[in-house]
C-alpha atoms as a PDB file:
ATOM      1  CA  MET A   1      13.653 -15.039   7.036  1.00  0.00           C
ATOM      2  CA  THR A   2      11.819 -18.197   8.099  1.00  0.00           C
ATOM      3  CA  ASN A   3       9.679 -20.039   5.574  1.00  0.00           C
ATOM      4  CA  ASP A   4       6.477 -19.294   7.514  1.00  0.00           C
ATOM      5  CA  HIS A   5       7.282 -15.599   7.806  1.00  0.00           C
ATOM      6  CA  CYS A   6       8.329 -15.495   4.146  1.00  0.00           C
ATOM      7  CA  SER A   7       5.071 -17.134   3.133  1.00  0.00           C
ATOM      8  CA  ASP A   8       2.917 -14.907   5.390  1.00  0.00           C
ATOM      9  CA  GLU A   9       4.539 -11.697   4.220  1.00  0.00           C
ATOM     10  CA  GLY A  10       4.311 -12.882   0.614  1.00  0.00           C
ATOM     11  CA  GLN A  11       0.584 -13.477   1.049  1.00  0.00           C
ATOM     12  CA  GLN A  12       0.104  -9.995   2.509  1.00  0.00           C
ATOM     13  CA  LEU A  13       2.071  -8.342  -0.308  1.00  0.00           C
ATOM     14  CA  SER A  14       0.136 -10.380  -2.870  1.00  0.00           C
ATOM     15  CA  GLU A  15      -3.159  -9.142  -1.422  1.00  0.00           C
ATOM     16  CA  GLU A  16      -1.941  -5.532  -1.479  1.00  0.00           C
ATOM     17  CA  LEU A  17      -0.872  -5.912  -5.113  1.00  0.00           C
ATOM     18  CA  GLU A  18      -4.312  -7.278  -5.972  1.00  0.00           C
ATOM     19  CA  GLN A  19      -5.989  -4.347  -4.210  1.00  0.00           C
ATOM     20  CA  GLU A  20      -3.892  -1.892  -6.223  1.00  0.00           C
ATOM     21  CA  ARG A  21      -4.793  -3.676  -9.462  1.00  0.00           C
ATOM     22  CA  ARG A  22      -8.503  -3.562  -8.608  1.00  0.00           C
ATOM     23  CA  GLY A  23      -8.139   0.085  -7.630  1.00  0.00           C
ATOM     24  CA  ALA A  24      -6.757   0.777 -11.103  1.00  0.00           C
ATOM     25  CA  GLY A  25     -10.012  -0.541 -12.581  1.00  0.00           C
ATOM     26  CA  GLY A  26      -8.489  -3.796 -13.825  1.00  0.00           C
ATOM     27  CA  LEU A  27      -6.309  -1.997 -16.338  1.00  0.00           C
ATOM     28  CA  HIS A  28      -3.705  -4.201 -17.948  1.00  0.00           C
ATOM     29  CA  GLN A  29      -0.968  -1.606 -17.434  1.00  0.00           C
ATOM     30  CA  TRP A  30      -1.425  -0.567 -13.825  1.00  0.00           C
ATOM     31  CA  ARG A  31       1.365   1.098 -11.933  1.00  0.00           C
ATOM     32  CA  CYS A  32       2.491  -0.229  -8.549  1.00  0.00           C
ATOM     33  CA  SER A  33       3.010   2.421  -5.877  1.00  0.00           C
ATOM     34  CA  GLU A  34       6.626   3.221  -5.016  1.00  0.00           C
ATOM     35  CA  GLU A  35       6.053   2.290  -1.350  1.00  0.00           C
ATOM     36  CA  LEU A  36       4.682  -1.150  -2.187  1.00  0.00           C
ATOM     37  CA  ARG A  37       7.340  -1.741  -4.821  1.00  0.00           C
ATOM     38  CA  ALA A  38      10.088  -0.926  -2.273  1.00  0.00           C
ATOM     39  CA  ARG A  39       8.563  -3.391   0.217  1.00  0.00           C
ATOM     40  CA  ILE A  40       8.371  -6.088  -2.474  1.00  0.00           C
ATOM     41  CA  VAL A  41      12.026  -5.541  -3.417  1.00  0.00           C
ATOM     42  CA  ALA A  42      13.087  -5.779   0.251  1.00  0.00           C
ATOM     43  CA  TYR A  43      10.989  -8.932   0.635  1.00  0.00           C
ATOM     44  CA  ALA A  44      12.557 -10.444  -2.498  1.00  0.00           C
ATOM     45  CA  ALA A  45      16.064  -9.682  -1.206  1.00  0.00           C
ATOM     46  CA  ALA A  46      15.325 -11.373   2.131  1.00  0.00           C
ATOM     47  CA  CYS A  47      13.856 -14.448   0.433  1.00  0.00           C
ATOM     48  CA  GLN A  48      16.721 -14.633  -2.061  1.00  0.00           C
ATOM     49  CA  GLU A  49      19.167 -14.880   0.840  1.00  0.00           C
ATOM     50  CA  ASP A  50      17.343 -18.102   1.721  1.00  0.00           C
ATOM     51  CA  GLY A  51      17.891 -19.372  -1.827  1.00  0.00           C
ATOM     52  CA  GLU A  52      14.531 -18.578  -3.435  1.00  0.00           C
ATOM     53  CA  SER A  53      14.448 -17.644  -7.096  1.00  0.00           C
ATOM     54  CA  HIS A  54      12.696 -14.667  -8.661  1.00  0.00           C
ATOM     55  CA  SER A  55      10.473 -17.146 -10.439  1.00  0.00           C
ATOM     56  CA  SER A  56       9.058 -18.695  -7.259  1.00  0.00           C
ATOM     57  CA  LEU A  57       8.771 -15.293  -5.548  1.00  0.00           C
ATOM     58  CA  ALA A  58       6.919 -13.793  -8.509  1.00  0.00           C
ATOM     59  CA  LYS A  59       4.506 -16.718  -8.568  1.00  0.00           C
ATOM     60  CA  ARG A  60       3.791 -16.284  -4.841  1.00  0.00           C
ATOM     61  CA  LEU A  61       3.178 -12.557  -5.307  1.00  0.00           C
ATOM     62  CA  GLY A  62       1.112 -12.865  -8.468  1.00  0.00           C
ATOM     63  CA  LEU A  63       3.620 -10.918 -10.551  1.00  0.00           C
ATOM     64  CA  ALA A  64       5.354 -11.721 -13.798  1.00  0.00           C
ATOM     65  CA  GLN A  65       8.918 -12.880 -13.124  1.00  0.00           C
ATOM     66  CA  PRO A  66      10.480 -10.321 -15.534  1.00  0.00           C
ATOM     67  CA  THR A  67       8.640  -7.537 -13.687  1.00  0.00           C
ATOM     68  CA  LEU A  68       9.988  -8.619 -10.306  1.00  0.00           C
ATOM     69  CA  SER A  69      13.508  -9.018 -11.703  1.00  0.00           C
ATOM     70  CA  ARG A  70      13.350  -5.547 -13.270  1.00  0.00           C
ATOM     71  CA  TRP A  71      12.169  -3.974 -10.005  1.00  0.00           C
ATOM     72  CA  VAL A  72      15.043  -5.621  -8.107  1.00  0.00           C
ATOM     73  CA  ARG A  73      17.573  -4.525 -10.756  1.00  0.00           C
ATOM     74  CA  GLU A  74      16.262  -0.956 -10.781  1.00  0.00           C
ATOM     75  CA  ALA A  75      16.340  -0.755  -6.980  1.00  0.00           C
ATOM     76  CA  HIS A  76      20.015  -1.696  -6.904  1.00  0.00           C
ATOM     77  CA  ARG A  77      21.069   0.603  -9.712  1.00  0.00           C
ATOM     78  CA  SER A  78      22.943   3.755  -8.733  1.00  0.00           C
ATOM     79  CA  PRO A  79      21.192   7.004  -9.639  1.00  0.00           C
ATOM     80  CA  ALA A  80      23.908   8.048 -12.100  1.00  0.00           C
ATOM     81  CA  GLY A  81      24.125   4.610 -13.692  1.00  0.00           C
ATOM     82  CA  PHE A  82      27.378   3.713 -11.965  1.00  0.00           C
ATOM     83  CA  ARG A  83      27.968   0.513 -10.096  1.00  0.00           C
ATOM     84  CA  GLU A  84      29.630   0.473  -6.710  1.00  0.00           C
ATOM     85  CA  MET A  85      33.201  -0.772  -6.772  1.00  0.00           C
ATOM     86  CA  ALA A  86      35.851  -1.384  -4.181  1.00  0.00           C
ATOM     87  CA  ILE A  87      39.554  -0.927  -4.775  1.00  0.00           C
ATOM     88  CA  VAL A  88      41.579  -3.465  -2.880  1.00  0.00           C
ATOM     89  CA  PRO A  89      45.331  -3.769  -2.517  1.00  0.00           C
ATOM     90  CA  SER A  90      46.954  -6.045  -5.028  1.00  0.00           C
ATOM     91  CA  GLN A  91      48.105  -9.429  -3.856  1.00  0.00           C
ATOM     92  CA  ARG A  92      51.385 -10.544  -5.286  1.00  0.00           C
ATOM     93  CA  ARG A  93      50.989 -13.586  -7.434  1.00  0.00           C
ATOM     94  CA  SER A  94      53.665 -16.057  -8.313  1.00  0.00           C
ATOM     95  CA  ALA A  95      54.973 -15.891 -11.835  1.00  0.00           C
ATOM     96  CA  PRO A  96      52.769 -17.799 -14.270  1.00  0.00           C
ATOM     97  CA  ALA A  97      54.030 -21.131 -15.434  1.00  0.00           C
ATOM     98  CA  ALA A  98      55.819 -21.043 -18.749  1.00  0.00           C
ATOM     99  CA  VAL A  99      53.437 -21.758 -21.616  1.00  0.00           C
ATOM    100  CA  GLU A 100      54.652 -23.282 -24.819  1.00  0.00           C
ATOM    101  CA  PRO A 101      54.036 -20.939 -27.748  1.00  0.00           C
ATOM    102  CA  VAL A 102      51.095 -21.967 -29.873  1.00  0.00           C
ATOM    103  CA  ARG A 103      51.342 -21.956 -33.658  1.00  0.00           C
ATOM    104  CA  LEU A 104      48.283 -22.321 -35.855  1.00  0.00           C
ATOM    105  CA  LEU A 105      48.399 -23.136 -39.543  1.00  0.00           C
ATOM    106  CA  THR A 106      44.978 -22.720 -41.179  1.00  0.00           C
ATOM    107  CA  PRO A 107      43.770 -24.749 -44.182  1.00  0.00           C
ATOM    108  CA  ARG A 108      44.149 -21.593 -46.294  1.00  0.00           C
ATOM    109  CA  GLY A 109      47.824 -21.298 -45.354  1.00  0.00           C
ATOM    110  CA  PHE A 110      47.616 -18.520 -42.768  1.00  0.00           C
ATOM    111  CA  VAL A 111      49.985 -18.791 -39.808  1.00  0.00           C
ATOM    112  CA  VAL A 112      49.087 -17.389 -36.402  1.00  0.00           C
ATOM    113  CA  GLU A 113      51.838 -17.249 -33.785  1.00  0.00           C
ATOM    114  CA  GLY A 114      52.409 -15.570 -30.448  1.00  0.00           C
ATOM    115  CA  LEU A 115      48.831 -15.464 -29.164  1.00  0.00           C
ATOM    116  CA  ALA A 116      47.865 -16.745 -25.744  1.00  0.00           C
ATOM    117  CA  PRO A 117      45.910 -20.003 -26.007  1.00  0.00           C
ATOM    118  CA  GLU A 118      42.735 -18.319 -24.677  1.00  0.00           C
ATOM    119  CA  LEU A 119      42.954 -15.557 -27.287  1.00  0.00           C
ATOM    120  CA  LEU A 120      43.651 -18.072 -30.009  1.00  0.00           C
ATOM    121  CA  ALA A 121      40.591 -20.114 -28.977  1.00  0.00           C
ATOM    122  CA  TYR A 122      38.476 -16.951 -29.076  1.00  0.00           C
ATOM    123  CA  LEU A 123      39.843 -16.043 -32.499  1.00  0.00           C
ATOM    124  CA  LEU A 124      38.942 -19.483 -33.801  1.00  0.00           C
ATOM    125  CA  GLN A 125      35.401 -19.093 -32.470  1.00  0.00           C
ATOM    126  CA  VAL A 126      35.022 -15.720 -34.180  1.00  0.00           C
ATOM    127  CA  ILE A 127      36.369 -16.687 -37.571  1.00  0.00           C
ATOM    128  CA  GLY A 128      34.966 -20.204 -37.498  1.00  0.00           C
END
């Protein structure tokens, strides 16, 4: 989407949002129509492809950034709460390089052996 088109459509959506708010009598907790919300989500997706953030889009539309982010998240959520996945054939990997065993001796005298370095680092983070 070009910047001019993105800006023009954003202005139009912003005006429609404002009309809906006024139509709700200026209530703090107004509810956006499903049709307008769907158009805003599609607009946000198109602008995001051009590298725009939710923050800048929300500002242009006159929405709170968390509201726009929630609408986008909800629109992409599967009805049953499942995410779409693809199963791809495994690619054979070469054998991992041999890693020297790590041995940890704590100040209290505990010895930890046989853990992968990543797991050992995590363990140290957890126990301090």
